[in-house]
Amino acid sequence: MQIAGKVAIVTGSSRGIGKAIAKKLANLGAVVVINQEPTNSLSHKVVSEIIQDGGKAICYDADVSNKKDVCEMIDFVIQKFNRLDIMVANAGICPFQEYQEIDEITLNRVIDINQKGAFYCAQYAAQRMQFLNIKGRLIFTSSISAVFGGKLQVHYCGTKGAVNQMMKSFAIALGECGITSNSIQVGTVITDINKEAFNSNPELLDYFIARTPLGRLATPIDIANGVCFYASDEASCISGTSLTIDGGMSVNLQ
């Protein structure tokens, strides 16, 4: 896939799916900016791993729910590399809770990171891409929860549905500039976001595997492969689409 020499920001990339995306992009020759929230301390380790593998990466701490942080991050990247080709709005949280236990603080935080954060990243990245006349890529990490509900994900599902609709709207707004906008609808992937839930309830993990036609859950690398395709030159005429990566789980209704 033609990605070499491009500059990419991957939000929430100090671990899990974001880390896999960042490492895959770097492996394909992109310069990658590892983003994490300021209270995290894992991004330097990811940068070191990428450099040890022969890739190019730097880290930048920014809270994606803070528009000022997002704009400063994007401006810093463009000042340093003179361009921004790929914005992967990946950062997200999903605190599993019964609907009646979701308080206002939790609800606002999920919306701020998952929905507002994705919007801020796409909005300002697209603005700068337009100004620099770069036919860039906006890629959102969405979820099959954008389509299907979840008993413990009432707050989360709503934000992922919003992400998909934003993605489509950005695709319409930016098409004339050659900027594409797409999303990956992630199925059940074992990451830090759900590891505790599966460790405490192994029967739930067995259930998800059993209903997946391929007989295995998707891995962060599987998600990274889809993101890299959208980021590549080969996907230059694909915009406004959602690619589901879940081993077929979401079509298995019986």
Protein backbone atom coordinates (compact mmCIF):
# COMPACT_ATOMS: atom_id res chain seq x y z
CA MET A 1 0.00 0.00 0.00
CA GLN A 2 1.31 3.42 -0.97
CA ILE A 3 1.82 5.25 2.32
CA ALA A 4 5.58 5.90 2.45
CA GLY A 5 6.52 9.50 3.19
CA LYS A 6 3.07 10.50 4.42
CA VAL A 7 2.61 12.12 7.84
CA ALA A 8 -0.04 10.66 10.13
CA ILE A 9 -1.53 11.48 13.50
CA VAL A 10 -3.14 8.59 15.37
CA THR A 11 -5.05 9.66 18.46
CA GLY A 12 -5.15 7.34 21.44
CA SER A 13 -2.20 5.41 20.05
CA SER A 14 -0.19 4.63 23.17
CA ARG A 15 -1.81 1.19 23.44
CA GLY A 16 -4.39 -1.20 22.01
CA ILE A 17 -5.85 -0.62 18.56
CA GLY A 18 -4.28 2.82 18.23
CA LYS A 19 -0.82 1.44 18.92
CA ALA A 20 -1.28 -1.29 16.29
CA ILE A 21 -2.44 1.31 13.75
CA ALA A 22 0.53 3.56 14.45
CA LYS A 23 3.05 0.74 14.19
CA LYS A 24 1.55 -0.56 10.94
CA LEU A 25 1.57 2.91 9.36
CA ALA A 26 5.19 3.37 10.40
CA ASN A 27 6.08 -0.06 9.06
CA LEU A 28 4.68 1.02 5.70
CA GLY A 29 6.87 4.13 5.70
CA ALA A 30 4.68 6.86 7.20
CA VAL A 31 5.95 9.33 9.79
CA VAL A 32 3.64 8.76 12.74
CA VAL A 33 2.65 11.05 15.61
CA ILE A 34 1.75 9.03 18.69
CA ASN A 35 -0.95 10.82 20.66
CA GLN A 36 -2.04 10.16 24.20
CA GLU A 37 -3.79 12.14 26.90
CA PRO A 38 -1.38 14.13 29.10
CA THR A 39 -1.92 11.88 32.13
CA ASN A 40 -0.68 8.84 30.19
CA SER A 41 2.99 7.86 30.01
CA LEU A 42 3.14 5.06 27.43
CA SER A 43 3.67 6.97 24.18
CA HIS A 44 7.45 7.23 24.51
CA LYS A 45 7.65 3.44 24.67
CA VAL A 46 5.65 3.15 21.43
CA VAL A 47 7.91 5.68 19.73
CA SER A 48 10.97 3.70 20.85
CA GLU A 49 9.50 0.46 19.48
CA ILE A 50 8.79 2.07 16.11
CA ILE A 51 12.27 3.57 15.86
CA GLN A 52 13.85 0.24 16.82
CA ASP A 53 11.91 -1.35 13.95
CA GLY A 54 13.33 1.23 11.53
CA GLY A 55 10.31 3.53 11.46
CA LYS A 56 9.84 7.24 12.17
CA ALA A 57 7.70 8.51 15.02
CA ILE A 58 7.32 11.21 17.63
CA CYS A 59 4.86 11.62 20.47
CA TYR A 60 2.56 14.50 21.35
CA ASP A 61 0.37 14.63 24.45
CA ALA A 62 -3.06 16.14 23.88
CA ASP A 63 -6.54 15.64 25.31
CA VAL A 64 -8.70 15.19 22.21
CA SER A 65 -11.76 16.43 24.10
CA ASN A 66 -10.04 19.83 24.35
CA LYS A 67 -10.26 21.71 21.04
CA LYS A 68 -7.28 23.94 21.91
CA ASP A 69 -5.12 20.86 22.55
CA VAL A 70 -6.16 19.32 19.24
CA CYS A 71 -5.44 22.46 17.21
CA GLU A 72 -2.07 22.94 18.88
CA MET A 73 -1.13 19.32 18.15
CA ILE A 74 -2.03 19.61 14.47
CA ASP A 75 -0.23 22.95 14.12
CA PHE A 76 2.87 21.49 15.78
CA VAL A 77 2.91 18.54 13.39
CA ILE A 78 2.55 20.74 10.31
CA GLN A 79 5.24 23.13 11.52
CA LYS A 80 7.60 20.21 12.09
CA PHE A 81 6.90 18.20 8.94
CA ASN A 82 5.31 20.80 6.63
CA ARG A 83 2.31 18.58 6.01
CA LEU A 84 -0.38 16.32 7.44
CA ASP A 85 -1.72 13.55 5.22
CA ILE A 86 -3.58 11.21 7.54
CA MET A 87 -5.69 11.88 10.61
CA VAL A 88 -6.83 8.75 12.42
CA ALA A 89 -9.44 9.73 15.04
CA ASN A 90 -9.07 6.62 17.14
CA ALA A 91 -9.22 7.75 20.78
CA GLY A 92 -12.24 6.40 22.60
CA ILE A 93 -13.52 5.05 25.90
CA CYS A 94 -16.26 2.62 26.85
CA PRO A 95 -16.86 2.24 30.59
CA PHE A 96 -19.28 -0.72 30.65
CA GLN A 97 -22.22 0.17 32.90
CA GLU A 98 -25.89 -0.58 33.39
CA TYR A 99 -27.92 2.28 31.94
CA GLN A 100 -29.27 3.40 35.31
CA GLU A 101 -25.72 3.65 36.73
CA ILE A 102 -24.43 6.06 34.05
CA ASP A 103 -24.08 9.43 35.74
CA GLU A 104 -23.73 12.82 34.07
CA ILE A 105 -19.96 12.96 34.55
CA THR A 106 -19.47 9.59 32.82
CA LEU A 107 -21.88 10.42 30.01
CA ASN A 108 -20.20 13.75 29.30
CA ARG A 109 -16.73 12.18 29.30
CA VAL A 110 -17.77 9.49 26.80
CA ILE A 111 -19.34 12.10 24.52
CA ASP A 112 -16.39 14.49 24.92
CA ILE A 113 -13.78 11.92 23.90
CA ASN A 114 -15.61 9.68 21.44
CA GLN A 115 -17.76 12.22 19.63
CA LYS A 116 -16.42 15.71 20.23
CA GLY A 117 -12.81 14.52 20.10
CA ALA A 118 -13.32 12.87 16.73
CA PHE A 119 -15.03 16.01 15.43
CA TYR A 120 -12.30 18.38 16.62
CA CYS A 121 -9.57 16.21 15.08
CA ALA A 122 -11.33 15.87 11.73
CA GLN A 123 -12.47 19.48 11.57
CA TYR A 124 -9.08 21.11 12.10
CA ALA A 125 -7.08 18.47 10.23
CA ALA A 126 -9.32 18.93 7.19
CA GLN A 127 -9.02 22.70 7.42
CA ARG A 128 -5.23 22.51 7.38
CA MET A 129 -5.21 19.90 4.61
CA GLN A 130 -7.37 22.18 2.49
CA PHE A 131 -5.10 25.17 3.12
CA LEU A 132 -2.01 23.13 2.16
CA ASN A 133 -3.79 21.60 -0.85
CA ILE A 134 -3.22 18.08 0.46
CA LYS A 135 -5.59 15.31 -0.63
CA GLY A 136 -5.59 13.81 2.79
CA ARG A 137 -7.36 11.07 4.66
CA LEU A 138 -9.73 11.26 7.61
CA ILE A 139 -10.21 7.85 9.22
CA PHE A 140 -12.46 7.26 12.21
CA THR A 141 -12.36 4.26 14.53
CA SER A 142 -16.05 3.47 14.88
CA SER A 143 -17.73 0.27 16.03
CA ILE A 144 -20.42 -2.21 15.16
CA SER A 145 -22.07 -0.52 18.15
CA ALA A 146 -22.85 2.31 15.72
CA VAL A 147 -25.43 -0.08 14.24
CA PHE A 148 -26.25 -2.51 17.04
CA GLY A 149 -27.12 -1.72 20.64
CA GLY A 150 -25.41 -2.96 23.78
CA LYS A 151 -26.90 -3.56 27.20
CA LEU A 152 -23.90 -2.03 28.98
CA GLN A 153 -23.08 0.50 26.26
CA VAL A 154 -26.03 2.87 26.04
CA HIS A 155 -23.71 5.91 26.24
CA TYR A 156 -21.02 4.43 23.97
CA CYS A 157 -23.31 3.24 21.16
CA GLY A 158 -24.77 6.69 20.69
CA THR A 159 -21.35 8.26 20.24
CA LYS A 160 -20.26 5.68 17.66
CA GLY A 161 -23.46 6.20 15.68
CA ALA A 162 -22.64 9.91 15.69
CA VAL A 163 -19.09 9.20 14.51
CA ASN A 164 -20.38 7.31 11.48
CA GLN A 165 -22.74 10.13 10.55
CA MET A 166 -19.99 12.72 10.97
CA MET A 167 -17.74 10.61 8.75
CA LYS A 168 -20.33 10.60 5.97
CA SER A 169 -20.93 14.32 6.29
CA PHE A 170 -17.21 15.11 6.16
CA ALA A 171 -16.99 12.94 3.04
CA ILE A 172 -19.62 15.12 1.36
CA ALA A 173 -18.12 18.40 2.53
CA LEU A 174 -14.55 17.54 1.56
CA GLY A 175 -14.99 15.55 -1.62
CA GLU A 176 -14.30 18.49 -3.90
CA CYS A 177 -10.92 18.91 -2.19
CA GLY A 178 -9.93 15.29 -2.77
CA ILE A 179 -9.97 14.57 0.97
CA THR A 180 -11.55 11.22 1.81
CA SER A 181 -13.42 10.34 4.98
CA ASN A 182 -14.10 6.76 6.09
CA SER A 183 -14.51 4.68 9.23
CA ILE A 184 -13.67 1.25 10.54
CA GLN A 185 -16.53 -0.46 12.38
CA VAL A 186 -14.66 -2.51 14.93
CA GLY A 187 -16.18 -5.65 16.39
CA THR A 188 -15.15 -7.25 19.66
CA VAL A 189 -11.39 -6.86 20.07
CA ILE A 190 -9.61 -7.65 23.32
CA THR A 191 -7.89 -4.45 24.43
CA ASP A 192 -7.48 -2.48 27.64
CA ILE A 193 -10.99 -1.11 27.12
CA ASN A 194 -12.64 -4.51 27.80
CA LYS A 195 -9.92 -6.81 29.15
CA GLU A 196 -11.13 -6.52 32.73
CA ALA A 197 -14.71 -7.37 31.74
CA PHE A 198 -13.61 -10.52 29.89
CA ASN A 199 -11.21 -11.60 32.65
CA SER A 200 -14.03 -11.43 35.18
CA ASN A 201 -16.51 -13.13 32.85
CA PRO A 202 -14.78 -15.72 30.62
CA GLU A 203 -18.16 -17.11 29.56
CA LEU A 204 -18.85 -13.81 27.83
CA LEU A 205 -15.63 -14.12 25.84
CA ASP A 206 -16.52 -17.69 24.86
CA TYR A 207 -19.92 -16.46 23.71
CA PHE A 208 -18.45 -13.83 21.40
CA ILE A 209 -15.99 -16.29 19.89
CA ALA A 210 -18.69 -18.92 19.37
CA ARG A 211 -20.93 -16.53 17.43
CA THR A 212 -18.07 -15.33 15.19
CA PRO A 213 -18.10 -17.26 11.86
CA LEU A 214 -14.31 -17.14 11.52
CA GLY A 215 -13.96 -18.69 14.97
CA ARG A 216 -11.74 -15.95 16.34
CA LEU A 217 -12.05 -12.36 17.43
CA ALA A 218 -10.46 -9.58 15.39
CA THR A 219 -7.09 -8.39 16.65
CA PRO A 220 -5.71 -4.84 16.77
CA ILE A 221 -3.54 -5.75 13.77
CA ASP A 222 -6.66 -6.67 11.77
CA ILE A 223 -8.04 -3.20 12.48
CA ALA A 224 -4.71 -1.60 11.58
CA ASN A 225 -4.73 -3.33 8.18
CA GLY A 226 -8.11 -1.78 7.36
CA VAL A 227 -6.99 1.68 8.47
CA CYS A 228 -3.83 1.46 6.36
CA PHE A 229 -5.86 0.58 3.29
CA TYR A 230 -8.05 3.65 3.77
CA ALA A 231 -4.88 5.72 4.30
CA SER A 232 -3.21 4.49 1.14
CA ASP A 233 -3.22 5.88 -2.40
CA GLU A 234 -5.11 2.76 -3.47
CA ALA A 235 -8.18 4.02 -1.59
CA SER A 236 -8.19 7.46 -3.25
CA CYS A 237 -11.70 6.94 -4.69
CA ILE A 238 -13.27 5.49 -1.55
CA SER A 239 -15.06 7.95 0.71
CA GLY A 240 -18.09 7.96 2.98
CA THR A 241 -17.83 4.24 3.73
CA SER A 242 -17.62 2.04 6.82
CA LEU A 243 -15.54 -1.13 6.77
CA THR A 244 -16.68 -3.71 9.33
CA ILE A 245 -13.87 -5.81 10.79
CA ASP A 246 -15.39 -8.33 13.19
CA GLY A 247 -14.82 -11.82 11.78
CA GLY A 248 -18.44 -11.85 10.60
CA MET A 249 -19.88 -11.62 14.11
CA SER A 250 -22.40 -8.90 13.30
CA VAL A 251 -24.08 -10.86 10.48
CA ASN A 252 -24.54 -14.01 12.55
CA LEU A 253 -28.05 -13.51 13.89
CA GLN A 254 -29.00 -17.15 14.45
